[in-house]
């Protein structure tokens, strides 16, 4: 799949896949600490690629590639998530 195809399919809840960029400042504290530990604290955003309702892959987009950082089976409103979503 190309980045153009991924971005066309990234439409949020109403349409698309919910794959999108996430500002590092919005990550959980444990995720920020992990970025520092792996010397990626200079990154300003990660790309969240939705695999299912509660499973995401997070990585750094580098031109045509996604450098994978996390497999997150805990997406949602909990302490284990990389990016905690507050349920409506």
N, C-alpha and C. Protein backbone atom coordinates (compact mmCIF):
# COMPACT_ATOMS: atom_id res chain seq x y z
N UNK A 1 0.85 -1.17 0.00
CA UNK A 1 0.00 0.00 0.00
C UNK A 1 0.90 1.24 0.00
N UNK A 2 0.55 2.22 -0.80
CA UNK A 2 1.34 3.45 -0.86
C UNK A 2 0.86 4.43 0.20
N UNK A 3 1.68 5.48 0.46
CA UNK A 3 1.27 6.51 1.41
C UNK A 3 0.05 7.26 0.89
N UNK A 4 -0.02 7.46 -0.40
CA UNK A 4 -1.19 8.14 -0.97
C UNK A 4 -2.45 7.34 -0.68
N UNK A 5 -2.39 6.03 -0.82
CA UNK A 5 -3.56 5.18 -0.54
C UNK A 5 -3.90 5.20 0.95
N UNK A 6 -2.90 5.17 1.80
CA UNK A 6 -3.14 5.22 3.25
C UNK A 6 -3.79 6.55 3.63
N UNK A 7 -3.26 7.64 3.10
CA UNK A 7 -3.79 8.95 3.47
C UNK A 7 -5.20 9.18 2.91
N UNK A 8 -5.49 8.64 1.74
CA UNK A 8 -6.85 8.75 1.20
C UNK A 8 -7.84 7.98 2.07
N UNK A 9 -7.39 6.90 2.68
CA UNK A 9 -8.25 6.07 3.51
C UNK A 9 -8.31 6.56 4.95
N UNK A 10 -7.58 7.61 5.28
CA UNK A 10 -7.50 8.11 6.65
C UNK A 10 -8.50 9.23 6.86
N UNK A 11 -9.71 8.86 7.22
CA UNK A 11 -10.74 9.87 7.33
C UNK A 11 -11.34 10.07 8.70
N UNK A 12 -10.86 9.37 9.69
CA UNK A 12 -11.44 9.52 11.02
C UNK A 12 -12.63 8.63 11.23
N UNK A 13 -13.38 8.88 12.29
CA UNK A 13 -14.49 8.01 12.68
C UNK A 13 -15.58 7.92 11.62
N UNK A 14 -15.91 9.02 11.00
CA UNK A 14 -17.02 9.04 10.04
C UNK A 14 -16.70 8.27 8.77
N UNK A 15 -15.45 8.33 8.35
CA UNK A 15 -15.04 7.62 7.14
C UNK A 15 -13.56 7.32 7.24
N UNK A 16 -13.11 6.35 6.50
CA UNK A 16 -11.69 6.05 6.50
C UNK A 16 -11.30 5.02 7.53
N UNK A 17 -10.03 5.03 7.89
CA UNK A 17 -9.48 3.96 8.71
C UNK A 17 -9.06 4.39 10.10
N UNK A 18 -9.12 5.67 10.39
CA UNK A 18 -8.60 6.21 11.65
C UNK A 18 -7.09 6.16 11.74
N UNK A 19 -6.39 5.91 10.64
CA UNK A 19 -4.93 6.02 10.62
C UNK A 19 -4.60 7.49 10.44
N UNK A 20 -3.67 7.99 11.26
CA UNK A 20 -3.39 9.43 11.23
C UNK A 20 -2.11 9.73 12.00
N UNK A 21 -1.64 10.96 11.86
CA UNK A 21 -0.50 11.42 12.64
C UNK A 21 -0.96 11.80 14.04
N UNK A 22 -0.09 11.56 15.02
CA UNK A 22 -0.36 11.88 16.42
C UNK A 22 0.81 12.70 16.95
N UNK A 23 0.52 13.85 17.53
CA UNK A 23 1.58 14.67 18.12
C UNK A 23 2.16 13.94 19.33
N UNK A 24 3.47 13.96 19.45
CA UNK A 24 4.15 13.27 20.56
C UNK A 24 3.66 13.81 21.90
N UNK A 25 3.34 15.09 21.97
CA UNK A 25 2.87 15.68 23.22
C UNK A 25 1.56 15.05 23.71
N UNK A 26 0.83 14.39 22.81
CA UNK A 26 -0.44 13.75 23.19
C UNK A 26 -0.28 12.28 23.58
N UNK A 27 0.95 11.75 23.50
CA UNK A 27 1.17 10.36 23.88
C UNK A 27 1.14 10.22 25.39
N UNK A 28 0.97 9.00 25.86
CA UNK A 28 1.00 8.75 27.30
C UNK A 28 2.42 9.00 27.82
N UNK A 29 2.52 9.24 29.10
CA UNK A 29 3.83 9.50 29.71
C UNK A 29 4.79 8.34 29.50
N UNK A 30 4.30 7.12 29.60
CA UNK A 30 5.18 5.96 29.41
C UNK A 30 5.69 5.89 27.98
N UNK A 31 4.88 6.29 27.01
CA UNK A 31 5.32 6.30 25.61
C UNK A 31 6.40 7.38 25.41
N UNK A 32 6.23 8.53 26.02
CA UNK A 32 7.23 9.59 25.91
C UNK A 32 8.56 9.15 26.52
N UNK A 33 8.49 8.47 27.65
CA UNK A 33 9.71 7.95 28.27
C UNK A 33 10.39 6.93 27.37
N UNK A 34 9.61 6.09 26.73
CA UNK A 34 10.15 5.10 25.81
C UNK A 34 10.84 5.76 24.62
N UNK A 35 10.26 6.83 24.09
CA UNK A 35 10.89 7.56 22.99
C UNK A 35 12.26 8.10 23.42
N UNK A 36 12.33 8.63 24.63
CA UNK A 36 13.61 9.13 25.13
C UNK A 36 14.62 7.99 25.28
N UNK A 37 14.15 6.87 25.78
CA UNK A 37 15.04 5.71 26.00
C UNK A 37 15.62 5.19 24.68
N UNK A 38 14.84 5.25 23.61
CA UNK A 38 15.34 4.77 22.32
C UNK A 38 15.90 5.91 21.46
N UNK A 39 16.14 7.05 22.12
CA UNK A 39 16.75 8.23 21.52
C UNK A 39 15.98 8.76 20.31
N UNK A 40 14.67 8.84 20.47
CA UNK A 40 13.79 9.41 19.44
C UNK A 40 12.99 10.59 19.99
N UNK A 41 13.51 11.22 21.05
CA UNK A 41 12.78 12.31 21.68
C UNK A 41 12.70 13.57 20.82
N UNK A 42 13.46 13.62 19.72
CA UNK A 42 13.40 14.78 18.84
C UNK A 42 12.27 14.70 17.82
N UNK A 43 11.55 13.59 17.80
CA UNK A 43 10.44 13.39 16.87
C UNK A 43 9.23 14.18 17.37
N UNK A 44 8.54 14.88 16.47
CA UNK A 44 7.39 15.68 16.90
C UNK A 44 6.05 14.97 16.71
N UNK A 45 6.02 13.96 15.82
CA UNK A 45 4.78 13.23 15.60
C UNK A 45 5.07 11.80 15.17
N UNK A 46 4.12 10.93 15.48
CA UNK A 46 4.18 9.53 15.05
C UNK A 46 2.97 9.28 14.16
N UNK A 47 3.05 8.23 13.37
CA UNK A 47 1.90 7.85 12.57
C UNK A 47 1.25 6.64 13.23
N UNK A 48 -0.05 6.73 13.46
CA UNK A 48 -0.83 5.66 14.04
C UNK A 48 -1.56 4.94 12.91
N UNK A 49 -1.24 3.68 12.72
CA UNK A 49 -1.85 2.88 11.66
C UNK A 49 -2.83 1.90 12.31
N UNK A 50 -4.11 2.06 12.01
CA UNK A 50 -5.15 1.24 12.64
C UNK A 50 -5.20 -0.13 11.98
N UNK A 51 -5.09 -1.17 12.81
CA UNK A 51 -5.23 -2.54 12.32
C UNK A 51 -6.60 -3.11 12.63
N UNK A 52 -7.15 -2.72 13.79
CA UNK A 52 -8.50 -3.12 14.18
C UNK A 52 -9.01 -2.09 15.18
N UNK A 53 -10.16 -2.36 15.76
CA UNK A 53 -10.78 -1.40 16.69
C UNK A 53 -9.85 -1.01 17.84
N UNK A 54 -9.10 -1.95 18.38
CA UNK A 54 -8.24 -1.65 19.52
C UNK A 54 -6.77 -1.91 19.27
N UNK A 55 -6.37 -2.20 18.06
CA UNK A 55 -4.97 -2.49 17.76
C UNK A 55 -4.41 -1.45 16.80
N UNK A 56 -3.26 -0.88 17.19
CA UNK A 56 -2.58 0.11 16.37
C UNK A 56 -1.09 -0.25 16.25
N UNK A 57 -0.49 0.24 15.17
CA UNK A 57 0.96 0.23 15.03
C UNK A 57 1.37 1.69 14.96
N UNK A 58 2.40 2.05 15.72
CA UNK A 58 2.91 3.42 15.72
C UNK A 58 4.32 3.42 15.16
N UNK A 59 4.61 4.45 14.39
CA UNK A 59 5.94 4.56 13.84
C UNK A 59 6.24 5.97 13.36
N UNK A 60 7.45 6.11 12.86
CA UNK A 60 7.93 7.39 12.34
C UNK A 60 7.93 7.30 10.83
N UNK A 61 7.25 8.21 10.18
CA UNK A 61 7.25 8.22 8.72
C UNK A 61 8.56 8.83 8.25
N UNK A 62 9.27 8.08 7.45
CA UNK A 62 10.54 8.52 6.89
C UNK A 62 10.46 8.35 5.39
N UNK A 63 10.09 9.43 4.73
CA UNK A 63 9.85 9.43 3.28
C UNK A 63 8.83 8.38 2.91
N UNK A 64 9.25 7.28 2.28
CA UNK A 64 8.31 6.26 1.80
C UNK A 64 8.10 5.13 2.79
N UNK A 65 8.80 5.15 3.90
CA UNK A 65 8.74 4.04 4.85
C UNK A 65 8.14 4.47 6.19
N UNK A 66 7.65 3.50 6.93
CA UNK A 66 7.20 3.71 8.30
C UNK A 66 8.13 2.90 9.20
N UNK A 67 8.93 3.60 9.98
CA UNK A 67 9.84 2.94 10.93
C UNK A 67 9.02 2.57 12.16
N UNK A 68 8.77 1.30 12.32
CA UNK A 68 7.89 0.84 13.39
C UNK A 68 8.53 0.98 14.76
N UNK A 69 7.74 1.51 15.70
CA UNK A 69 8.18 1.66 17.08
C UNK A 69 7.37 0.81 18.04
N UNK A 70 6.06 0.74 17.82
CA UNK A 70 5.18 0.04 18.75
C UNK A 70 4.11 -0.77 18.04
N UNK A 71 3.83 -1.89 18.63
CA UNK A 71 2.61 -2.63 18.35
C UNK A 71 1.77 -2.41 19.59
N UNK A 72 0.63 -1.77 19.46
CA UNK A 72 -0.19 -1.41 20.62
C UNK A 72 -1.54 -2.12 20.57
N UNK A 73 -1.67 -3.24 21.30
CA UNK A 73 -2.94 -3.95 21.34
C UNK A 73 -3.92 -3.35 22.36
N UNK A 74 -3.53 -2.24 23.00
CA UNK A 74 -4.31 -1.65 24.09
C UNK A 74 -4.90 -0.29 23.75
N UNK A 75 -5.05 0.05 22.47
CA UNK A 75 -5.55 1.37 22.10
C UNK A 75 -6.89 1.63 22.79
N UNK A 76 -6.98 2.77 23.40
CA UNK A 76 -8.20 3.13 24.10
C UNK A 76 -7.90 3.93 25.34
N UNK A 77 -8.81 3.96 26.23
CA UNK A 77 -8.67 4.75 27.45
C UNK A 77 -8.13 3.88 28.58
N UNK A 78 -6.86 3.60 28.53
CA UNK A 78 -6.24 2.83 29.61
C UNK A 78 -4.76 3.17 29.72
N UNK A 79 -4.14 2.80 30.81
CA UNK A 79 -2.75 3.16 31.10
C UNK A 79 -1.74 2.42 30.22
N UNK A 80 -2.12 1.31 29.61
CA UNK A 80 -1.19 0.55 28.78
C UNK A 80 -1.07 1.09 27.36
N UNK A 81 -1.97 1.95 26.96
CA UNK A 81 -2.00 2.46 25.58
C UNK A 81 -0.84 3.41 25.32
N UNK A 82 -0.40 3.47 24.09
CA UNK A 82 0.60 4.46 23.66
C UNK A 82 -0.06 5.83 23.59
N UNK A 83 -1.28 5.84 23.07
CA UNK A 83 -2.05 7.07 22.91
C UNK A 83 -3.43 6.79 23.50
N UNK A 84 -3.70 7.38 24.64
CA UNK A 84 -4.94 7.10 25.35
C UNK A 84 -6.08 7.94 24.78
N UNK A 85 -7.10 7.26 24.35
CA UNK A 85 -8.27 7.93 23.78
C UNK A 85 -9.36 7.98 24.85
N UNK A 86 -9.87 9.17 25.07
CA UNK A 86 -10.96 9.32 26.04
C UNK A 86 -12.25 8.98 25.34
N UNK A 87 -12.90 7.94 25.80
CA UNK A 87 -14.15 7.48 25.18
C UNK A 87 -15.25 8.51 25.40
N UNK A 88 -16.11 8.66 24.38
CA UNK A 88 -17.22 9.62 24.48
C UNK A 88 -18.38 9.02 25.22
